[in-house]
Each structure stands twice: as structure tokens, then as C-alpha cells.
């Protein structure tokens, strides 16, 4: 069930504001690390976490990073297309708070990385988790927002399925 158009428009602005905050925080932190660290420099923070400065020309886990540049535009178009679809979903389901919050996080993260690709030709990463010789690929706040948004989408879907199961049992 969708909300009336006036309600959906009002809530859409709120969801877009959340995405804008994510974009702002993401871009601000990337600028700080890009200007304060040399490429590849690591600053130890915890025994398993460093700040670093790395550039990713590919996608998650540097997938396709070693190609000759076409992936920049592919992932830019993919991010923009996903963003249009996400806004459409938020407009259609604006009353579903957890669903739209999750989509707002994903939207902000996706556009944060799209901005990097368009402006720099790569994504700026600066968060590095590791243990002994094992390293998780470096990432940024946009990636974190996308991951948290995806987790919240799963939580939202589990909650929806449980509500439907309860309603089916009670006959409501």
C-alpha cells in the first residue's frame, strides 16, 4: 500500500536529506584523508585498524580495478541508475520507515562514490581493518553506508515476513 502523493512527497524530502548528509560526511572525510595523507601512507589507530589513503578504480574489493578505464564510466552509470531506482522506491514506499532509511543510506553511499568517480576517476578509501597478515580491503564512509543500508534492508524484509506469518496465523 502506498501513501497519498502529498505524504510521500513530504517524506521523500526527509529521506533525501539523510542521503545528502551521508554524501556530505563522505566527501568531507575523503577530502581530509586525501589532503592529509600521502598515497599508501598508514596511520595506526588500533592494533587491527589503520587510517590509510588508497584509490580504487574498480568496485567493491577492487573488482575490475586493473582494467583500462571503462569501469569508471560503467560504475558511474550503474550508480546513477541505481540512484534513480532508489528514489523511485522511496517515493513509492515513503511510509515504510526502515525500508526508506536503508535506501537513504545506500543512496548517499552510492552517490558519494559516484562523485569520486566523476571528479577523480577513482574512489578514495581510507579505512583499513586487518589482523596479522590478513587485510580487509580499504573502504570509506560511502561503502559503510551502503553496507549498513543493505543490512537494514535484510532486517526490514525479515520483519515484514514475520509480520505476514503472524497475520496468516491469526487470520488478520
N, C-alpha and C. Protein backbone atom coordinates (compact mmCIF):
# COMPACT_ATOMS: atom_id res chain seq x y z
N UNK A 1 0.84 -1.19 0.00
CA UNK A 1 0.00 0.00 0.00
C UNK A 1 0.88 1.24 0.00
N UNK A 2 0.58 2.18 -0.85
CA UNK A 2 1.39 3.39 -0.94
C UNK A 2 0.69 4.54 -0.26
N UNK A 3 1.50 5.52 0.16
CA UNK A 3 0.96 6.70 0.84
C UNK A 3 0.38 7.66 -0.19
N UNK A 4 -0.55 8.53 0.25
CA UNK A 4 -1.04 9.57 -0.66
C UNK A 4 0.15 10.39 -1.18
N UNK A 5 -0.01 10.97 -2.36
CA UNK A 5 1.09 11.68 -3.02
C UNK A 5 1.68 12.78 -2.15
N UNK A 6 0.83 13.55 -1.45
CA UNK A 6 1.36 14.65 -0.63
C UNK A 6 2.19 14.12 0.54
N UNK A 7 1.77 13.01 1.15
CA UNK A 7 2.53 12.42 2.25
C UNK A 7 3.84 11.86 1.73
N UNK A 8 3.80 11.17 0.60
CA UNK A 8 5.00 10.57 0.03
C UNK A 8 6.02 11.65 -0.34
N UNK A 9 5.55 12.78 -0.91
CA UNK A 9 6.47 13.86 -1.27
C UNK A 9 7.13 14.44 -0.03
N UNK A 10 6.36 14.62 1.03
CA UNK A 10 6.91 15.17 2.27
C UNK A 10 7.95 14.26 2.88
N UNK A 11 7.69 12.97 2.91
CA UNK A 11 8.66 12.05 3.49
C UNK A 11 9.84 11.84 2.56
N UNK A 12 9.64 11.95 1.26
CA UNK A 12 10.75 11.80 0.32
C UNK A 12 11.82 12.84 0.60
N UNK A 13 11.41 14.06 0.90
CA UNK A 13 12.38 15.12 1.21
C UNK A 13 13.24 14.73 2.40
N UNK A 14 12.63 14.14 3.41
CA UNK A 14 13.39 13.70 4.59
C UNK A 14 14.39 12.61 4.25
N UNK A 15 13.94 11.65 3.44
CA UNK A 15 14.84 10.55 3.07
C UNK A 15 15.99 11.09 2.21
N UNK A 16 15.70 12.03 1.33
CA UNK A 16 16.75 12.61 0.51
C UNK A 16 17.71 13.45 1.34
N UNK A 17 17.20 14.08 2.38
CA UNK A 17 18.07 14.85 3.29
C UNK A 17 19.06 13.92 3.99
N UNK A 18 18.60 12.76 4.41
CA UNK A 18 19.51 11.78 5.03
C UNK A 18 20.60 11.39 4.04
N UNK A 19 20.22 11.12 2.80
CA UNK A 19 21.21 10.77 1.78
C UNK A 19 22.20 11.92 1.57
N UNK A 20 21.71 13.14 1.57
CA UNK A 20 22.58 14.31 1.39
C UNK A 20 23.57 14.44 2.54
N UNK A 21 23.14 14.17 3.76
CA UNK A 21 24.05 14.19 4.92
C UNK A 21 25.14 13.13 4.75
N UNK A 22 24.76 11.95 4.31
CA UNK A 22 25.73 10.88 4.07
C UNK A 22 26.75 11.33 3.02
N UNK A 23 26.27 11.91 1.93
CA UNK A 23 27.16 12.39 0.87
C UNK A 23 28.12 13.44 1.44
N UNK A 24 27.60 14.38 2.21
CA UNK A 24 28.43 15.44 2.78
C UNK A 24 29.52 14.89 3.70
N UNK A 25 29.12 14.00 4.61
CA UNK A 25 30.10 13.39 5.52
C UNK A 25 31.14 12.59 4.75
N UNK A 26 30.68 11.83 3.77
CA UNK A 26 31.58 11.01 2.97
C UNK A 26 32.59 11.89 2.24
N UNK A 27 32.11 12.91 1.56
CA UNK A 27 33.02 13.76 0.79
C UNK A 27 33.97 14.53 1.70
N UNK A 28 33.49 15.00 2.84
CA UNK A 28 34.35 15.74 3.77
C UNK A 28 35.48 14.84 4.30
N UNK A 29 35.14 13.62 4.69
CA UNK A 29 36.19 12.73 5.21
C UNK A 29 37.18 12.35 4.12
N UNK A 30 36.71 12.16 2.90
CA UNK A 30 37.62 11.82 1.80
C UNK A 30 38.58 12.98 1.52
N UNK A 31 38.08 14.19 1.57
CA UNK A 31 38.94 15.36 1.36
C UNK A 31 40.00 15.44 2.45
N UNK A 32 39.59 15.22 3.70
CA UNK A 32 40.55 15.27 4.81
C UNK A 32 41.66 14.25 4.60
N UNK A 33 41.30 13.01 4.34
CA UNK A 33 42.33 11.97 4.20
C UNK A 33 43.16 12.16 2.93
N UNK A 34 42.53 12.62 1.86
CA UNK A 34 43.25 12.81 0.60
C UNK A 34 44.25 13.96 0.71
N UNK A 35 43.97 14.94 1.55
CA UNK A 35 44.89 16.08 1.70
C UNK A 35 45.89 15.89 2.83
N UNK A 36 45.59 15.04 3.80
CA UNK A 36 46.46 14.89 4.96
C UNK A 36 47.41 13.71 4.89
N UNK A 37 47.12 12.72 4.06
CA UNK A 37 47.97 11.54 3.96
C UNK A 37 48.54 11.43 2.55
N UNK A 38 49.72 10.86 2.46
CA UNK A 38 50.30 10.53 1.17
C UNK A 38 49.69 9.21 0.72
N UNK A 39 49.63 9.00 -0.60
CA UNK A 39 49.07 7.76 -1.11
C UNK A 39 49.81 6.56 -0.51
N UNK A 40 49.04 5.61 0.03
CA UNK A 40 49.62 4.41 0.62
C UNK A 40 50.07 4.58 2.06
N UNK A 41 50.10 5.78 2.56
CA UNK A 41 50.52 6.01 3.95
C UNK A 41 49.51 5.38 4.90
N UNK A 42 50.02 4.80 5.98
CA UNK A 42 49.16 4.21 7.00
C UNK A 42 49.43 4.87 8.33
N UNK A 43 48.34 5.18 9.04
CA UNK A 43 48.43 5.75 10.37
C UNK A 43 47.76 4.78 11.33
N UNK A 44 48.55 4.09 12.16
CA UNK A 44 47.95 3.12 13.10
C UNK A 44 47.02 3.81 14.09
N UNK A 45 45.86 3.21 14.30
CA UNK A 45 44.88 3.72 15.25
C UNK A 45 44.67 2.69 16.36
N UNK A 46 44.45 1.45 15.98
CA UNK A 46 44.27 0.32 16.90
C UNK A 46 45.11 -0.84 16.38
N UNK A 47 45.34 -1.87 17.18
CA UNK A 47 46.16 -2.99 16.70
C UNK A 47 45.59 -3.72 15.48
N UNK A 48 44.35 -3.40 15.09
CA UNK A 48 43.70 -4.07 13.96
C UNK A 48 43.09 -3.07 12.97
N UNK A 49 43.40 -1.78 13.16
CA UNK A 49 42.77 -0.74 12.34
C UNK A 49 43.75 0.40 12.09
N UNK A 50 43.86 0.80 10.82
CA UNK A 50 44.68 1.94 10.43
C UNK A 50 43.87 2.87 9.56
N UNK A 51 44.24 4.16 9.59
CA UNK A 51 43.82 5.06 8.53
C UNK A 51 44.86 4.91 7.43
N UNK A 52 44.42 4.96 6.20
CA UNK A 52 45.33 4.87 5.07
C UNK A 52 44.75 5.68 3.94
N UNK A 53 45.50 5.86 2.89
CA UNK A 53 44.96 6.52 1.71
C UNK A 53 45.22 5.62 0.51
N UNK A 54 44.13 5.12 -0.05
CA UNK A 54 44.21 4.28 -1.24
C UNK A 54 43.14 4.73 -2.23
N UNK A 55 43.38 4.47 -3.50
CA UNK A 55 42.43 4.79 -4.54
C UNK A 55 41.95 3.50 -5.19
N UNK A 56 40.66 3.42 -5.42
CA UNK A 56 40.07 2.23 -6.04
C UNK A 56 39.42 2.63 -7.35
N UNK A 57 39.96 2.15 -8.44
CA UNK A 57 39.38 2.42 -9.77
C UNK A 57 38.29 1.43 -10.12
N UNK A 58 38.13 0.40 -9.30
CA UNK A 58 37.14 -0.63 -9.58
C UNK A 58 35.93 -0.49 -8.68
N UNK A 59 35.34 -1.63 -8.37
CA UNK A 59 34.15 -1.67 -7.50
C UNK A 59 34.56 -2.28 -6.16
N UNK A 60 33.60 -2.86 -5.47
CA UNK A 60 33.87 -3.48 -4.18
C UNK A 60 35.03 -4.47 -4.30
N UNK A 61 35.90 -4.44 -3.30
CA UNK A 61 37.07 -5.33 -3.25
C UNK A 61 37.97 -5.14 -4.46
N UNK A 62 37.97 -3.93 -5.02
CA UNK A 62 38.79 -3.57 -6.20
C UNK A 62 38.48 -4.40 -7.44
N UNK A 63 37.27 -4.95 -7.50
CA UNK A 63 36.87 -5.71 -8.67
C UNK A 63 36.98 -4.83 -9.92
N UNK A 64 37.63 -5.32 -10.93
CA UNK A 64 37.84 -4.66 -12.22
C UNK A 64 38.78 -3.45 -12.14
N UNK A 65 39.48 -3.26 -11.04
CA UNK A 65 40.34 -2.09 -10.89
C UNK A 65 41.51 -2.09 -11.86
N UNK A 66 41.90 -3.25 -12.34
CA UNK A 66 43.07 -3.33 -13.22
C UNK A 66 42.75 -3.16 -14.70
N UNK A 67 41.53 -2.76 -15.02
CA UNK A 67 41.16 -2.54 -16.43
C UNK A 67 41.57 -1.13 -16.86
N UNK A 68 41.37 -0.81 -18.12
CA UNK A 68 41.93 0.41 -18.69
C UNK A 68 41.07 1.67 -18.58
N UNK A 69 40.07 1.69 -17.75
CA UNK A 69 39.30 2.91 -17.51
C UNK A 69 37.83 2.85 -17.83
N UNK A 70 37.39 1.89 -18.63
CA UNK A 70 35.97 1.81 -18.97
C UNK A 70 35.12 1.60 -17.73
N UNK A 71 35.70 0.95 -16.70
CA UNK A 71 34.93 0.64 -15.49
C UNK A 71 34.51 1.90 -14.73
N UNK A 72 35.28 2.98 -14.88
CA UNK A 72 34.92 4.25 -14.24
C UNK A 72 33.52 4.66 -14.68
N UNK A 73 33.30 4.64 -15.99
CA UNK A 73 32.02 5.09 -16.53
C UNK A 73 30.93 4.04 -16.32
N UNK A 74 31.29 2.79 -16.38
CA UNK A 74 30.32 1.72 -16.12
C UNK A 74 29.76 1.85 -14.70
N UNK A 75 30.66 1.99 -13.70
CA UNK A 75 30.19 2.08 -12.32
C UNK A 75 29.52 3.42 -12.03
N UNK A 76 29.89 4.45 -12.76
CA UNK A 76 29.21 5.74 -12.62
C UNK A 76 27.77 5.62 -13.11
N UNK A 77 27.59 5.07 -14.30
CA UNK A 77 26.24 4.88 -14.85
C UNK A 77 25.44 3.93 -13.98
N UNK A 78 26.06 2.86 -13.52
CA UNK A 78 25.37 1.92 -12.63
C UNK A 78 24.92 2.60 -11.35
N UNK A 79 25.79 3.41 -10.75
CA UNK A 79 25.44 4.14 -9.53
C UNK A 79 24.31 5.14 -9.75
N UNK A 80 24.37 5.84 -10.87
CA UNK A 80 23.30 6.81 -11.18
C UNK A 80 21.98 6.10 -11.45
N UNK A 81 22.05 5.00 -12.19
CA UNK A 81 20.82 4.24 -12.46
C UNK A 81 20.22 3.67 -11.18
N UNK A 82 21.06 3.13 -10.33
CA UNK A 82 20.58 2.61 -9.04
C UNK A 82 19.97 3.73 -8.21
N UNK A 83 20.56 4.91 -8.27
CA UNK A 83 20.05 6.05 -7.50
C UNK A 83 18.65 6.46 -7.97
N UNK A 84 18.43 6.47 -9.27
CA UNK A 84 17.10 6.79 -9.80
C UNK A 84 16.09 5.76 -9.31
N UNK A 85 16.47 4.50 -9.37
CA UNK A 85 15.58 3.43 -8.92
C UNK A 85 15.29 3.56 -7.42
N UNK A 86 16.31 3.88 -6.64
CA UNK A 86 16.14 4.03 -5.18
C UNK A 86 15.18 5.18 -4.88
N UNK A 87 15.33 6.31 -5.56
CA UNK A 87 14.43 7.45 -5.33
C UNK A 87 13.00 7.06 -5.69
N UNK A 88 12.83 6.33 -6.77
CA UNK A 88 11.50 5.85 -7.16
C UNK A 88 10.91 4.97 -6.05
N UNK A 89 11.73 4.06 -5.51
CA UNK A 89 11.26 3.19 -4.42
C UNK A 89 10.89 4.00 -3.19
N UNK A 90 11.70 4.99 -2.84
CA UNK A 90 11.41 5.80 -1.65
C UNK A 90 10.14 6.62 -1.87
N UNK A 91 9.94 7.11 -3.06
CA UNK A 91 8.73 7.87 -3.35
C UNK A 91 7.51 6.97 -3.25
N UNK A 92 7.64 5.77 -3.71
CA UNK A 92 6.53 4.82 -3.71
C UNK A 92 6.22 4.26 -2.32
N UNK A 93 7.25 4.12 -1.49
CA UNK A 93 7.09 3.47 -0.18
C UNK A 93 7.55 4.38 0.96
N UNK A 94 7.32 5.67 0.82
CA UNK A 94 7.80 6.66 1.78
C UNK A 94 7.36 6.43 3.21
N UNK A 95 6.26 5.73 3.40
CA UNK A 95 5.75 5.49 4.76
C UNK A 95 6.44 4.32 5.45
N UNK A 96 7.23 3.55 4.72
CA UNK A 96 7.95 2.41 5.30
C UNK A 96 9.30 2.90 5.81
N UNK A 97 9.33 3.24 7.07
CA UNK A 97 10.46 3.98 7.63
C UNK A 97 11.79 3.23 7.56
N UNK A 98 11.86 2.00 8.01
CA UNK A 98 13.13 1.28 7.99
C UNK A 98 13.59 1.04 6.56
N UNK A 99 12.67 0.66 5.70
CA UNK A 99 12.98 0.42 4.29
C UNK A 99 13.57 1.67 3.66
N UNK A 100 12.92 2.81 3.86
CA UNK A 100 13.40 4.05 3.25
C UNK A 100 14.67 4.57 3.91
N UNK A 101 14.83 4.36 5.20
CA UNK A 101 16.08 4.75 5.85
C UNK A 101 17.24 3.96 5.26
N UNK A 102 17.03 2.65 5.09
CA UNK A 102 18.06 1.81 4.48
C UNK A 102 18.38 2.29 3.07
N UNK A 103 17.35 2.60 2.30
CA UNK A 103 17.56 3.09 0.94
C UNK A 103 18.28 4.44 0.94
N UNK A 104 17.99 5.29 1.93
CA UNK A 104 18.67 6.58 2.03
C UNK A 104 20.17 6.40 2.25
N UNK A 105 20.52 5.44 3.10
CA UNK A 105 21.94 5.15 3.34
C UNK A 105 22.61 4.65 2.06
N UNK A 106 21.94 3.75 1.37
CA UNK A 106 22.50 3.20 0.13
C UNK A 106 22.62 4.31 -0.92
N UNK A 107 21.60 5.14 -1.03
CA UNK A 107 21.62 6.24 -1.99
C UNK A 107 22.78 7.20 -1.70
N UNK A 108 22.91 7.61 -0.46
CA UNK A 108 24.00 8.53 -0.09
C UNK A 108 25.36 7.92 -0.37
N UNK A 109 25.52 6.64 -0.03
CA UNK A 109 26.79 5.97 -0.29
C UNK A 109 27.08 5.83 -1.78
N UNK A 110 26.07 5.43 -2.52
CA UNK A 110 26.26 5.26 -3.96
C UNK A 110 26.64 6.57 -4.62
N UNK A 111 25.93 7.64 -4.28
CA UNK A 111 26.24 8.94 -4.89
C UNK A 111 27.58 9.50 -4.41
N UNK A 112 27.95 9.21 -3.16
CA UNK A 112 29.27 9.62 -2.68
C UNK A 112 30.37 9.01 -3.52
N UNK A 113 30.24 7.74 -3.84
CA UNK A 113 31.25 7.09 -4.68
C UNK A 113 31.15 7.51 -6.14
N UNK A 114 29.94 7.80 -6.62
CA UNK A 114 29.78 8.31 -7.99
C UNK A 114 30.50 9.66 -8.13
N UNK A 115 30.36 10.50 -7.14
CA UNK A 115 31.05 11.80 -7.17
C UNK A 115 32.55 11.58 -7.31
N UNK A 116 33.11 10.68 -6.52
CA UNK A 116 34.55 10.38 -6.62
C UNK A 116 34.93 9.95 -8.03
N UNK A 117 34.16 9.04 -8.59
CA UNK A 117 34.48 8.52 -9.92
C UNK A 117 34.43 9.63 -10.97
N UNK A 118 33.45 10.50 -10.84
CA UNK A 118 33.31 11.57 -11.83
C UNK A 118 34.40 12.63 -11.66
N UNK A 119 34.73 12.98 -10.42
CA UNK A 119 35.69 14.06 -10.17
C UNK A 119 37.14 13.57 -10.26
N UNK A 120 37.43 12.42 -9.66
CA UNK A 120 38.82 11.96 -9.55
C UNK A 120 39.16 10.79 -10.47
N UNK A 121 38.16 10.07 -10.94
CA UNK A 121 38.42 8.88 -11.74
C UNK A 121 38.65 7.64 -10.90
N UNK A 122 38.51 7.77 -9.59
CA UNK A 122 38.67 6.65 -8.66
C UNK A 122 37.93 7.00 -7.37
N UNK A 123 37.75 6.00 -6.53
CA UNK A 123 37.12 6.20 -5.23
C UNK A 123 38.21 6.30 -4.18
N UNK A 124 38.09 7.26 -3.29
CA UNK A 124 39.05 7.46 -2.21
C UNK A 124 38.66 6.56 -1.03
N UNK A 125 39.58 5.69 -0.63
CA UNK A 125 39.37 4.80 0.52
C UNK A 125 40.37 5.14 1.61
N UNK A 126 39.96 4.99 2.88
CA UNK A 126 40.86 5.38 3.96
C UNK A 126 40.71 4.57 5.24
N UNK A 127 39.80 3.63 5.30
CA UNK A 127 39.60 2.80 6.49
C UNK A 127 40.15 1.40 6.21
N UNK A 128 41.07 0.93 7.03
CA UNK A 128 41.72 -0.35 6.79
C UNK A 128 41.70 -1.21 8.05
N UNK A 129 41.00 -2.33 7.98
CA UNK A 129 40.98 -3.31 9.06
C UNK A 129 41.85 -4.49 8.67
N UNK A 130 42.58 -5.04 9.64
CA UNK A 130 43.49 -6.15 9.34
C UNK A 130 43.74 -6.96 10.61
N UNK A 131 44.29 -8.13 10.43
CA UNK A 131 44.74 -8.95 11.55
C UNK A 131 45.97 -9.73 11.08
N UNK A 132 47.09 -9.49 11.72
CA UNK A 132 48.37 -10.08 11.32
C UNK A 132 48.61 -9.78 9.84
N UNK A 133 48.63 -10.79 8.98
CA UNK A 133 48.89 -10.55 7.56
C UNK A 133 47.62 -10.44 6.73
N UNK A 134 46.44 -10.67 7.34
CA UNK A 134 45.17 -10.57 6.63
C UNK A 134 44.69 -9.12 6.64
N UNK A 135 44.24 -8.63 5.49
CA UNK A 135 43.71 -7.28 5.36
C UNK A 135 42.34 -7.32 4.69
N UNK A 136 41.36 -6.66 5.28
CA UNK A 136 40.10 -6.43 4.60
C UNK A 136 40.36 -5.27 3.64
N UNK A 137 39.80 -5.29 2.44
CA UNK A 137 40.05 -4.18 1.52
C UNK A 137 39.66 -2.84 2.15
N UNK A 138 40.49 -1.83 1.90
CA UNK A 138 40.21 -0.50 2.44
C UNK A 138 38.87 0.00 1.89
N UNK A 139 38.20 0.82 2.69
CA UNK A 139 36.89 1.33 2.29
C UNK A 139 36.69 2.72 2.87
N UNK A 140 35.51 3.28 2.70
CA UNK A 140 35.22 4.66 3.12
C UNK A 140 33.83 4.74 3.75
N UNK A 141 33.39 5.95 4.09
CA UNK A 141 32.07 6.10 4.71
C UNK A 141 30.94 5.76 3.75
N UNK A 142 31.12 6.05 2.47
CA UNK A 142 30.08 5.69 1.49
C UNK A 142 29.88 4.18 1.48
N UNK A 143 30.98 3.44 1.46
CA UNK A 143 30.88 1.98 1.49
C UNK A 143 30.21 1.50 2.76
N UNK A 144 30.54 2.15 3.88
CA UNK A 144 29.93 1.79 5.17
C UNK A 144 28.43 2.03 5.15
N UNK A 145 28.02 3.16 4.58
CA UNK A 145 26.59 3.48 4.49
C UNK A 145 25.86 2.47 3.61
N UNK A 146 26.48 2.09 2.49
CA UNK A 146 25.87 1.09 1.60
C UNK A 146 25.73 -0.24 2.33
N UNK A 147 26.76 -0.64 3.05
CA UNK A 147 26.72 -1.91 3.78
C UNK A 147 25.66 -1.89 4.87
N UNK A 148 25.63 -0.82 5.66
CA UNK A 148 24.62 -0.71 6.71
C UNK A 148 23.22 -0.68 6.10
N UNK A 149 23.05 0.03 5.00
CA UNK A 149 21.75 0.07 4.32
C UNK A 149 21.33 -1.31 3.86
N UNK A 150 22.26 -2.07 3.30
CA UNK A 150 21.93 -3.44 2.85
C UNK A 150 21.53 -4.32 4.03
N UNK A 151 22.24 -4.19 5.14
CA UNK A 151 21.89 -4.97 6.34
C UNK A 151 20.49 -4.60 6.81
N UNK A 152 20.19 -3.30 6.82
CA UNK A 152 18.86 -2.86 7.27
C UNK A 152 17.76 -3.31 6.31
N UNK A 153 18.07 -3.41 5.01
CA UNK A 153 17.08 -3.96 4.07
C UNK A 153 16.76 -5.41 4.41
N UNK A 154 17.77 -6.17 4.77
CA UNK A 154 17.55 -7.57 5.16
C UNK A 154 16.72 -7.63 6.43
N UNK A 155 17.06 -6.78 7.41
CA UNK A 155 16.27 -6.73 8.66
C UNK A 155 14.82 -6.37 8.36
N UNK A 156 14.63 -5.37 7.51
CA UNK A 156 13.28 -4.95 7.14
C UNK A 156 12.50 -6.10 6.49
N UNK A 157 13.15 -6.82 5.60
CA UNK A 157 12.48 -7.94 4.92
C UNK A 157 12.14 -9.07 5.90
N UNK A 158 13.04 -9.36 6.82
CA UNK A 158 12.76 -10.38 7.84
C UNK A 158 11.57 -9.95 8.70
N UNK A 159 11.56 -8.69 9.11
CA UNK A 159 10.43 -8.19 9.91
C UNK A 159 9.12 -8.27 9.13
N UNK A 160 9.16 -7.92 7.86
CA UNK A 160 7.96 -7.99 7.02
C UNK A 160 7.46 -9.42 6.91
N UNK A 161 8.38 -10.35 6.68
CA UNK A 161 8.00 -11.76 6.56
C UNK A 161 7.41 -12.28 7.87
N UNK A 162 7.99 -11.89 8.99
CA UNK A 162 7.46 -12.32 10.29
C UNK A 162 6.07 -11.74 10.54
N UNK A 163 5.86 -10.47 10.15
CA UNK A 163 4.52 -9.86 10.30
C UNK A 163 3.50 -10.61 9.45
N UNK A 164 3.88 -10.94 8.22
CA UNK A 164 2.96 -11.68 7.35
C UNK A 164 2.66 -13.06 7.91
N UNK A 165 3.67 -13.72 8.45
CA UNK A 165 3.47 -15.05 9.02
C UNK A 165 2.53 -14.98 10.22
N UNK A 166 2.75 -13.96 11.09
CA UNK A 166 1.86 -13.78 12.25
C UNK A 166 0.44 -13.48 11.80
N UNK A 167 0.29 -12.63 10.79
CA UNK A 167 -1.05 -12.28 10.30
C UNK A 167 -1.73 -13.50 9.70
N UNK A 168 -0.98 -14.34 9.01
CA UNK A 168 -1.57 -15.54 8.42
C UNK A 168 -2.02 -16.50 9.50
N UNK A 169 -1.27 -16.60 10.60
CA UNK A 169 -1.65 -17.49 11.70
C UNK A 169 -2.88 -17.01 12.43
N UNK A 170 -2.98 -15.68 12.59
CA UNK A 170 -4.12 -15.15 13.33
C UNK A 170 -5.32 -14.87 12.44
N UNK A 171 -5.12 -14.99 11.12
CA UNK A 171 -6.21 -14.76 10.20
C UNK A 171 -6.52 -13.31 9.96
N UNK A 172 -5.61 -12.42 10.36
CA UNK A 172 -5.86 -10.99 10.20
C UNK A 172 -5.52 -10.51 8.81
